[in-house]
């Protein structure tokens, strides 16, 4: 089972519980991949400009508190 169509066919044969378990596993897999990519980007300096801009915005008070954003104040 190496191709996407084969995997999709196999998924259709799973029970609902197994599909939910697969979905949870896939979400965790994607989150781990995202974390690894962010870590690699941070180590390589690819995020330096964004961090610098964020720090400048904080220093210039061009930011809102998370509470303010959540409550649309």
PDB file of N, CA and C in Angstrom:
ATOM      1  N   UNK A   1       0.855  -1.174   0.000  1.00  0.00           N
ATOM      2  CA  UNK A   1       0.000   0.000   0.000  1.00  0.00           C
ATOM      3  C   UNK A   1       0.899   1.233   0.000  1.00  0.00           C
ATOM      4  N   UNK A   2       1.139   1.759  -1.179  1.00  0.00           N
ATOM      5  CA  UNK A   2       2.071   2.876  -1.299  1.00  0.00           C
ATOM      6  C   UNK A   2       1.455   4.133  -1.890  1.00  0.00           C
ATOM      7  N   UNK A   3       0.293   4.020  -2.465  1.00  0.00           N
ATOM      8  CA  UNK A   3      -0.253   5.190  -3.134  1.00  0.00           C
ATOM      9  C   UNK A   3      -1.442   5.753  -2.360  1.00  0.00           C
ATOM     10  N   UNK A   4      -1.691   7.013  -2.575  1.00  0.00           N
ATOM     11  CA  UNK A   4      -2.815   7.670  -1.921  1.00  0.00           C
ATOM     12  C   UNK A   4      -4.140   6.981  -2.230  1.00  0.00           C
ATOM     13  N   UNK A   5      -4.431   6.625  -3.473  1.00  0.00           N
ATOM     14  CA  UNK A   5      -5.699   5.926  -3.723  1.00  0.00           C
ATOM     15  C   UNK A   5      -5.822   4.613  -2.939  1.00  0.00           C
ATOM     16  N   UNK A   6      -4.713   3.888  -2.782  1.00  0.00           N
ATOM     17  CA  UNK A   6      -4.749   2.648  -2.012  1.00  0.00           C
ATOM     18  C   UNK A   6      -5.047   2.928  -0.537  1.00  0.00           C
ATOM     19  N   UNK A   7      -4.435   3.959  -0.026  1.00  0.00           N
ATOM     20  CA  UNK A   7      -4.660   4.338   1.368  1.00  0.00           C
ATOM     21  C   UNK A   7      -6.104   4.782   1.569  1.00  0.00           C
ATOM     22  N   UNK A   8      -6.611   5.578   0.642  1.00  0.00           N
ATOM     23  CA  UNK A   8      -8.004   6.032   0.735  1.00  0.00           C
ATOM     24  C   UNK A   8      -8.968   4.853   0.716  1.00  0.00           C
ATOM     25  N   UNK A   9      -8.701   3.878  -0.131  1.00  0.00           N
ATOM     26  CA  UNK A   9      -9.553   2.680  -0.191  1.00  0.00           C
ATOM     27  C   UNK A   9      -9.503   1.932   1.134  1.00  0.00           C
ATOM     28  N   UNK A  10      -8.316   1.791   1.690  1.00  0.00           N
ATOM     29  CA  UNK A  10      -8.171   1.092   2.969  1.00  0.00           C
ATOM     30  C   UNK A  10      -8.920   1.827   4.078  1.00  0.00           C
ATOM     31  N   UNK A  11      -8.857   3.153   4.078  1.00  0.00           N
ATOM     32  CA  UNK A  11      -9.555   3.938   5.093  1.00  0.00           C
ATOM     33  C   UNK A  11     -11.055   3.713   5.026  1.00  0.00           C
ATOM     34  N   UNK A  12     -11.578   3.577   3.824  1.00  0.00           N
ATOM     35  CA  UNK A  12     -13.021   3.351   3.662  1.00  0.00           C
ATOM     36  C   UNK A  12     -13.470   2.028   4.294  1.00  0.00           C
ATOM     37  N   UNK A  13     -12.543   1.130   4.514  1.00  0.00           N
ATOM     38  CA  UNK A  13     -12.866  -0.164   5.116  1.00  0.00           C
ATOM     39  C   UNK A  13     -12.712  -0.169   6.639  1.00  0.00           C
ATOM     40  N   UNK A  14     -12.262   0.932   7.196  1.00  0.00           N
ATOM     41  CA  UNK A  14     -12.090   1.022   8.641  1.00  0.00           C
ATOM     42  C   UNK A  14     -13.419   1.307   9.331  1.00  0.00           C
ATOM     43  N   UNK A  15     -13.490   0.944  10.583  1.00  0.00           N
ATOM     44  CA  UNK A  15     -14.677   1.303  11.381  1.00  0.00           C
ATOM     45  C   UNK A  15     -14.602   2.796  11.723  1.00  0.00           C
ATOM     46  N   UNK A  16     -15.708   3.322  12.181  1.00  0.00           N
ATOM     47  CA  UNK A  16     -15.735   4.742  12.545  1.00  0.00           C
ATOM     48  C   UNK A  16     -14.715   5.042  13.645  1.00  0.00           C
ATOM     49  N   UNK A  17     -14.612   4.152  14.608  1.00  0.00           N
ATOM     50  CA  UNK A  17     -13.647   4.342  15.698  1.00  0.00           C
ATOM     51  C   UNK A  17     -12.223   4.356  15.151  1.00  0.00           C
ATOM     52  N   UNK A  18     -11.920   3.447  14.235  1.00  0.00           N
ATOM     53  CA  UNK A  18     -10.578   3.398  13.648  1.00  0.00           C
ATOM     54  C   UNK A  18     -10.285   4.651  12.826  1.00  0.00           C
ATOM     55  N   UNK A  19     -11.276   5.147  12.125  1.00  0.00           N
ATOM     56  CA  UNK A  19     -11.085   6.375  11.344  1.00  0.00           C
ATOM     57  C   UNK A  19     -10.792   7.540  12.285  1.00  0.00           C
ATOM     58  N   UNK A  20     -11.510   7.611  13.394  1.00  0.00           N
ATOM     59  CA  UNK A  20     -11.258   8.680  14.376  1.00  0.00           C
ATOM     60  C   UNK A  20      -9.860   8.545  14.981  1.00  0.00           C
ATOM     61  N   UNK A  21      -9.438   7.316  15.268  1.00  0.00           N
ATOM     62  CA  UNK A  21      -8.090   7.091  15.789  1.00  0.00           C
ATOM     63  C   UNK A  21      -7.041   7.511  14.760  1.00  0.00           C
ATOM     64  N   UNK A  22      -7.279   7.171  13.514  1.00  0.00           N
ATOM     65  CA  UNK A  22      -6.373   7.573  12.439  1.00  0.00           C
ATOM     66  C   UNK A  22      -6.316   9.089  12.322  1.00  0.00           C
ATOM     67  N   UNK A  23      -7.478   9.714  12.413  1.00  0.00           N
ATOM     68  CA  UNK A  23      -7.542  11.172  12.331  1.00  0.00           C
ATOM     69  C   UNK A  23      -6.739  11.816  13.457  1.00  0.00           C
ATOM     70  N   UNK A  24      -6.885  11.296  14.660  1.00  0.00           N
ATOM     71  CA  UNK A  24      -6.125  11.824  15.800  1.00  0.00           C
ATOM     72  C   UNK A  24      -4.628  11.629  15.587  1.00  0.00           C
ATOM     73  N   UNK A  25      -4.249  10.443  15.099  1.00  0.00           N
ATOM     74  CA  UNK A  25      -2.835  10.173  14.843  1.00  0.00           C
ATOM     75  C   UNK A  25      -2.289  11.128  13.778  1.00  0.00           C
ATOM     76  N   UNK A  26      -3.065  11.321  12.722  1.00  0.00           N
ATOM     77  CA  UNK A  26      -2.624  12.200  11.639  1.00  0.00           C
ATOM     78  C   UNK A  26      -2.475  13.640  12.129  1.00  0.00           C
ATOM     79  N   UNK A  27      -3.391  14.103  12.956  1.00  0.00           N
ATOM     80  CA  UNK A  27      -3.288  15.458  13.499  1.00  0.00           C
ATOM     81  C   UNK A  27      -2.025  15.604  14.339  1.00  0.00           C
ATOM     82  N   UNK A  28      -1.744  14.627  15.177  1.00  0.00           N
ATOM     83  CA  UNK A  28      -0.520  14.653  15.982  1.00  0.00           C
ATOM     84  C   UNK A  28       0.724  14.640  15.092  1.00  0.00           C
ATOM     85  N   UNK A  29       0.689  13.836  14.056  1.00  0.00           N
ATOM     86  CA  UNK A  29       1.803  13.750  13.110  1.00  0.00           C
ATOM     87  C   UNK A  29       2.057  15.118  12.459  1.00  0.00           C
ATOM     88  N   UNK A  30       0.987  15.768  12.019  1.00  0.00           N
ATOM     89  CA  UNK A  30       1.120  17.071  11.380  1.00  0.00           C
ATOM     90  C   UNK A  30       1.614  18.138  12.358  1.00  0.00           C
ATOM     91  N   UNK A  31       1.138  18.073  13.599  1.00  0.00           N
ATOM     92  CA  UNK A  31       1.593  19.025  14.613  1.00  0.00           C
ATOM     93  C   UNK A  31       3.078  18.846  14.902  1.00  0.00           C
ATOM     94  N   UNK A  32       3.533  17.602  14.986  1.00  0.00           N
ATOM     95  CA  UNK A  32       4.958  17.343  15.209  1.00  0.00           C
ATOM     96  C   UNK A  32       5.793  17.843  14.025  1.00  0.00           C
ATOM     97  N   UNK A  33       5.306  17.625  12.820  1.00  0.00           N
ATOM     98  CA  UNK A  33       6.022  18.091  11.629  1.00  0.00           C
ATOM     99  C   UNK A  33       6.110  19.619  11.632  1.00  0.00           C
ATOM    100  N   UNK A  34       5.018  20.266  12.020  1.00  0.00           N
ATOM    101  CA  UNK A  34       4.994  21.737  12.093  1.00  0.00           C
ATOM    102  C   UNK A  34       6.009  22.216  13.135  1.00  0.00           C
ATOM    103  N   UNK A  35       6.016  21.596  14.303  1.00  0.00           N
ATOM    104  CA  UNK A  35       6.955  21.973  15.351  1.00  0.00           C
ATOM    105  C   UNK A  35       8.398  21.827  14.871  1.00  0.00           C
ATOM    106  N   UNK A  36       8.692  20.734  14.188  1.00  0.00           N
ATOM    107  CA  UNK A  36      10.050  20.512  13.675  1.00  0.00           C
ATOM    108  C   UNK A  36      10.427  21.570  12.645  1.00  0.00           C
ATOM    109  N   UNK A  37       9.470  21.960  11.795  1.00  0.00           N
ATOM    110  CA  UNK A  37       9.747  22.981  10.783  1.00  0.00           C
ATOM    111  C   UNK A  37      10.009  24.334  11.437  1.00  0.00           C
ATOM    112  N   UNK A  38       9.194  24.692  12.432  1.00  0.00           N
ATOM    113  CA  UNK A  38       9.404  25.963  13.135  1.00  0.00           C
ATOM    114  C   UNK A  38      10.764  25.957  13.835  1.00  0.00           C
ATOM    115  N   UNK A  39      11.102  24.851  14.476  1.00  0.00           N
ATOM    116  CA  UNK A  39      12.391  24.740  15.151  1.00  0.00           C
ATOM    117  C   UNK A  39      13.540  24.893  14.160  1.00  0.00           C
ATOM    118  N   UNK A  40      13.438  24.243  13.026  1.00  0.00           N
ATOM    119  CA  UNK A  40      14.487  24.345  11.999  1.00  0.00           C
ATOM    120  C   UNK A  40      14.576  25.770  11.461  1.00  0.00           C
ATOM    121  N   UNK A  41      13.432  26.394  11.238  1.00  0.00           N
ATOM    122  CA  UNK A  41      13.422  27.778  10.749  1.00  0.00           C
ATOM    123  C   UNK A  41      14.040  28.727  11.770  1.00  0.00           C
ATOM    124  N   UNK A  42      13.744  28.509  13.046  1.00  0.00           N
ATOM    125  CA  UNK A  42      14.307  29.354  14.093  1.00  0.00           C
ATOM    126  C   UNK A  42      15.825  29.190  14.168  1.00  0.00           C
ATOM    127  N   UNK A  43      16.294  27.945  14.106  1.00  0.00           N
ATOM    128  CA  UNK A  43      17.737  27.682  14.173  1.00  0.00           C
ATOM    129  C   UNK A  43      18.475  28.263  12.970  1.00  0.00           C
ATOM    130  N   UNK A  44      17.829  28.252  11.813  1.00  0.00           N
ATOM    131  CA  UNK A  44      18.488  28.728  10.597  1.00  0.00           C
ATOM    132  C   UNK A  44      18.449  30.246  10.465  1.00  0.00           C
ATOM    133  N   UNK A  45      17.671  30.910  11.316  1.00  0.00           N
ATOM    134  CA  UNK A  45      17.573  32.373  11.238  1.00  0.00           C
ATOM    135  C   UNK A  45      16.454  32.865  10.344  1.00  0.00           C
ATOM    136  N   UNK A  46      15.675  31.954   9.788  1.00  0.00           N
ATOM    137  CA  UNK A  46      14.609  32.358   8.866  1.00  0.00           C
ATOM    138  C   UNK A  46      13.510  33.166   9.559  1.00  0.00           C
ATOM    139  N   UNK A  47      13.444  33.093  10.888  1.00  0.00           N
ATOM    140  CA  UNK A  47      12.407  33.827  11.620  1.00  0.00           C
ATOM    141  C   UNK A  47      12.929  35.118  12.243  1.00  0.00           C
ATOM    142  N   UNK A  48      14.212  35.389  12.077  1.00  0.00           N
ATOM    143  CA  UNK A  48      14.821  36.538  12.738  1.00  0.00           C
ATOM    144  C   UNK A  48      14.139  37.857  12.396  1.00  0.00           C
ATOM    145  N   UNK A  49      13.812  38.062  11.129  1.00  0.00           N
ATOM    146  CA  UNK A  49      13.172  39.323  10.731  1.00  0.00           C
ATOM    147  C   UNK A  49      11.789  39.457  11.364  1.00  0.00           C
ATOM    148  N   UNK A  50      11.053  38.356  11.428  1.00  0.00           N
ATOM    149  CA  UNK A  50       9.726  38.395  12.046  1.00  0.00           C
ATOM    150  C   UNK A  50       9.822  38.691  13.540  1.00  0.00           C
ATOM    151  N   UNK A  51      10.805  38.087  14.197  1.00  0.00           N
ATOM    152  CA  UNK A  51      11.003  38.325  15.629  1.00  0.00           C
ATOM    153  C   UNK A  51      11.405  39.772  15.866  1.00  0.00           C
ATOM    154  N   UNK A  52      12.289  40.276  15.024  1.00  0.00           N
ATOM    155  CA  UNK A  52      12.723  41.664  15.152  1.00  0.00           C
ATOM    156  C   UNK A  52      11.543  42.616  14.964  1.00  0.00           C
ATOM    157  N   UNK A  53      10.695  42.344  13.966  1.00  0.00           N
ATOM    158  CA  UNK A  53       9.532  43.193  13.730  1.00  0.00           C
ATOM    159  C   UNK A  53       8.560  43.123  14.903  1.00  0.00           C
ATOM    160  N   UNK A  54       8.357  41.949  15.449  1.00  0.00           N
ATOM    161  CA  UNK A  54       7.464  41.795  16.600  1.00  0.00           C
ATOM    162  C   UNK A  54       8.000  42.577  17.796  1.00  0.00           C
ATOM    163  N   UNK A  55       9.298  42.491  18.037  1.00  0.00           N
ATOM    164  CA  UNK A  55       9.896  43.237  19.150  1.00  0.00           C
ATOM    165  C   UNK A  55       9.763  44.741  18.939  1.00  0.00           C
ATOM    166  N   UNK A  56       9.926  45.196  17.706  1.00  0.00           N
ATOM    167  CA  UNK A  56       9.755  46.620  17.411  1.00  0.00           C
ATOM    168  C   UNK A  56       8.307  47.058  17.650  1.00  0.00           C
ATOM    169  N   UNK A  57       7.370  46.229  17.247  1.00  0.00           N
ATOM    170  CA  UNK A  57       5.951  46.543  17.467  1.00  0.00           C
ATOM    171  C   UNK A  57       5.628  46.583  18.960  1.00  0.00           C
ATOM    172  N   UNK A  58       6.203  45.667  19.722  1.00  0.00           N
ATOM    173  CA  UNK A  58       5.978  45.673  21.172  1.00  0.00           C
ATOM    174  C   UNK A  58       6.576  46.934  21.788  1.00  0.00           C
ATOM    175  N   UNK A  59       7.805  47.270  21.401  1.00  0.00           N
ATOM    176  CA  UNK A  59       8.466  48.470  21.933  1.00  0.00           C
ATOM    177  C   UNK A  59       7.700  49.737  21.591  1.00  0.00           C
ATOM    178  N   UNK A  60       7.076  49.779  20.412  1.00  0.00           N
ATOM    179  CA  UNK A  60       6.328  50.959  19.962  1.00  0.00           C
ATOM    180  C   UNK A  60       4.867  50.907  20.407  1.00  0.00           C
ATOM    181  N   UNK A  61       4.512  49.902  21.191  1.00  0.00           N
ATOM    182  CA  UNK A  61       3.141  49.727  21.693  1.00  0.00           C
ATOM    183  C   UNK A  61       2.123  49.606  20.554  1.00  0.00           C
ATOM    184  N   UNK A  62       2.513  48.919  19.502  1.00  0.00           N
ATOM    185  CA  UNK A  62       1.612  48.677  18.364  1.00  0.00           C
ATOM    186  C   UNK A  62       1.006  47.277  18.444  1.00  0.00           C
ATOM    187  N   UNK A  63       0.719  46.841  19.634  1.00  0.00           N
ATOM    188  CA  UNK A  63       0.147  45.513  19.834  1.00  0.00           C
ATOM    189  C   UNK A  63      -1.059  45.599  20.758  1.00  0.00           C
ATOM    190  N   UNK A  64      -1.910  44.596  20.693  1.00  0.00           N
ATOM    191  CA  UNK A  64      -3.055  44.489  21.592  1.00  0.00           C
ATOM    192  C   UNK A  64      -2.846  43.264  22.466  1.00  0.00           C
ATOM    193  N   UNK A  65      -3.409  43.320  23.647  1.00  0.00           N
ATOM    194  CA  UNK A  65      -3.321  42.154  24.519  1.00  0.00           C
ATOM    195  C   UNK A  65      -4.212  41.050  23.963  1.00  0.00           C
ATOM    196  N   UNK A  66      -3.857  39.823  24.249  1.00  0.00           N
ATOM    197  CA  UNK A  66      -4.651  38.692  23.788  1.00  0.00           C
ATOM    198  C   UNK A  66      -6.072  38.783  24.336  1.00  0.00           C
ATOM    199  N   UNK A  67      -6.201  39.205  25.580  1.00  0.00           N
ATOM    200  CA  UNK A  67      -7.522  39.357  26.196  1.00  0.00           C
ATOM    201  C   UNK A  67      -8.367  40.365  25.415  1.00  0.00           C
ATOM    202  N   UNK A  68      -7.760  41.439  24.978  1.00  0.00           N
ATOM    203  CA  UNK A  68      -8.451  42.464  24.198  1.00  0.00           C
ATOM    204  C   UNK A  68      -8.913  41.894  22.847  1.00  0.00           C
ATOM    205  N   UNK A  69      -8.095  41.104  22.246  1.00  0.00           N
ATOM    206  CA  UNK A  69      -8.445  40.504  20.963  1.00  0.00           C
ATOM    207  C   UNK A  69      -9.577  39.503  21.132  1.00  0.00           C
ATOM    208  N   UNK A  70      -9.479  38.674  22.150  1.00  0.00           N
ATOM    209  CA  UNK A  70     -10.480  37.643  22.384  1.00  0.00           C
ATOM    210  C   UNK A  70     -11.847  38.245  22.663  1.00  0.00           C
ATOM    211  N   UNK A  71     -11.856  39.328  23.419  1.00  0.00           N
ATOM    212  CA  UNK A  71     -13.110  39.953  23.819  1.00  0.00           C
ATOM    213  C   UNK A  71     -13.533  41.093  22.911  1.00  0.00           C
ATOM    214  N   UNK A  72     -12.830  41.284  21.788  1.00  0.00           N
ATOM    215  CA  UNK A  72     -13.159  42.338  20.812  1.00  0.00           C
ATOM    216  C   UNK A  72     -13.330  43.701  21.433  1.00  0.00           C
ATOM    217  N   UNK A  73     -12.487  44.026  22.372  1.00  0.00           N
ATOM    218  CA  UNK A  73     -12.560  45.327  23.041  1.00  0.00           C
ATOM    219  C   UNK A  73     -11.789  46.363  22.281  1.00  0.00           C
TER     220      UNK A  73
END
